Amino acid sequence: MGSGFECNADPKRGLDHGTRVPLKLMYPSVEIPTIQLSVQTAAGGPDLHLKIGRTIQALRQQGVLIIGSGGATHNLRELGRYPIDASPQPYAVEFNI
């Protein structure tokens, strides 16, 4: 696409559940070529993610399905640390404001 992004495929890595589960529910009997993009927390911040979005936007005109999946926060390291009925973590509340 000429965007200046370096892309690499890792054939040993499967799809994350945030990608695999929605596709399996939407298309249970269909094999769909899929590319998964991850949030880049270590580099670029919001500007990088806006650039990625603008870059892949052109794929929509080519019939490529683009799905945004996941929650406002997704910290599996904290899973199980808090009771089910616990209040949301402050960073989650701040993110949603």
Protein backbone atom coordinates (compact mmCIF):
# COMPACT_ATOMS: atom_id res chain seq x y z
CA MET A 1 0.00 0.00 0.00
CA GLY A 2 3.01 2.27 0.16
CA SER A 3 2.23 3.39 3.71
CA GLY A 4 5.69 2.80 5.13
CA PHE A 5 4.54 0.06 7.50
CA GLU A 6 6.61 -3.09 7.83
CA CYS A 7 4.44 -6.19 7.93
CA ASN A 8 5.48 -9.64 9.01
CA ALA A 9 3.56 -12.90 9.15
CA ASP A 10 4.16 -15.50 11.83
CA PRO A 11 2.79 -18.82 10.55
CA LYS A 12 3.31 -20.40 13.97
CA ARG A 13 1.00 -18.00 15.74
CA GLY A 14 -2.71 -18.65 15.64
CA LEU A 15 -5.43 -16.04 15.87
CA ASP A 16 -6.12 -14.37 19.18
CA HIS A 17 -9.50 -15.19 20.71
CA GLY A 18 -10.62 -11.60 20.05
CA THR A 19 -10.32 -12.37 16.34
CA ARG A 20 -11.12 -16.07 16.19
CA VAL A 21 -14.30 -16.06 18.32
CA PRO A 22 -16.24 -13.34 16.46
CA LEU A 23 -15.37 -14.88 13.08
CA LYS A 24 -16.36 -18.36 14.27
CA LEU A 25 -19.70 -17.03 15.50
CA MET A 26 -20.38 -15.01 12.34
CA TYR A 27 -19.17 -17.61 9.83
CA PRO A 28 -19.11 -21.00 11.62
CA SER A 29 -18.54 -23.13 8.53
CA VAL A 30 -16.42 -20.80 6.41
CA GLU A 31 -12.65 -20.54 6.14
CA ILE A 32 -11.84 -16.84 5.89
CA PRO A 33 -8.36 -15.48 5.10
CA THR A 34 -7.64 -13.29 8.10
CA ILE A 35 -4.99 -10.81 9.12
CA GLN A 36 -4.94 -9.79 12.76
CA LEU A 37 -3.61 -6.42 13.86
CA SER A 38 -2.68 -5.80 17.47
CA VAL A 39 -2.74 -2.60 19.47
CA GLN A 40 0.76 -1.18 19.53
CA THR A 41 1.14 0.01 23.11
CA ALA A 42 4.91 0.49 23.03
CA ALA A 43 5.19 2.72 19.97
CA GLY A 44 3.31 5.55 18.37
CA GLY A 45 0.29 5.97 20.60
CA PRO A 46 -2.97 7.24 19.08
CA ASP A 47 -1.26 8.82 16.06
CA LEU A 48 0.12 5.46 14.94
CA HIS A 49 -3.27 3.80 15.30
CA LEU A 50 -4.96 6.56 13.29
CA LYS A 51 -2.36 6.07 10.55
CA ILE A 52 -3.01 2.32 10.55
CA GLY A 53 -6.76 2.94 10.30
CA ARG A 54 -6.34 5.36 7.43
CA THR A 55 -4.06 2.90 5.66
CA ILE A 56 -6.35 -0.12 5.90
CA GLN A 57 -9.45 1.95 5.07
CA ALA A 58 -8.66 1.48 1.37
CA LEU A 59 -9.15 -2.27 1.82
CA ARG A 60 -12.89 -1.70 2.34
CA GLN A 61 -13.27 -0.64 -1.30
CA GLN A 62 -11.72 -4.00 -2.24
CA GLY A 63 -14.38 -5.97 -0.35
CA VAL A 64 -12.23 -6.74 2.69
CA LEU A 65 -14.14 -7.16 5.94
CA ILE A 66 -12.57 -5.07 8.72
CA ILE A 67 -13.69 -5.84 12.26
CA GLY A 68 -12.81 -4.02 15.46
CA SER A 69 -13.02 -6.47 18.32
CA GLY A 70 -12.37 -6.37 22.04
CA GLY A 71 -13.43 -4.47 25.09
CA ALA A 72 -12.51 -1.07 26.41
CA THR A 73 -9.89 -2.79 28.50
CA HIS A 74 -8.45 -6.25 28.16
CA ASN A 75 -5.92 -7.08 30.82
CA LEU A 76 -5.76 -10.85 31.23
CA ARG A 77 -3.05 -10.40 33.87
CA GLU A 78 -5.77 -9.03 36.16
CA LEU A 79 -8.24 -11.81 35.45
CA GLY A 80 -9.13 -13.53 38.69
CA ARG A 81 -7.69 -10.83 40.93
CA TYR A 82 -11.04 -9.19 41.53
CA PRO A 83 -14.44 -10.66 42.41
CA ILE A 84 -17.04 -10.79 39.62
CA ASP A 85 -19.08 -8.03 41.28
CA ALA A 86 -16.08 -5.73 41.82
CA SER A 87 -16.23 -2.13 40.63
CA PRO A 88 -14.44 -1.37 37.35
CA GLN A 89 -10.78 -0.44 37.61
CA PRO A 90 -10.14 3.33 37.50
CA TYR A 91 -8.26 3.10 34.18
CA ALA A 92 -11.27 1.36 32.59
CA VAL A 93 -13.65 4.05 33.81
CA GLU A 94 -11.32 6.81 32.59
CA PHE A 95 -10.98 5.13 29.16
CA ASN A 96 -14.75 5.06 28.69
CA ILE A 97 -15.33 8.72 29.56
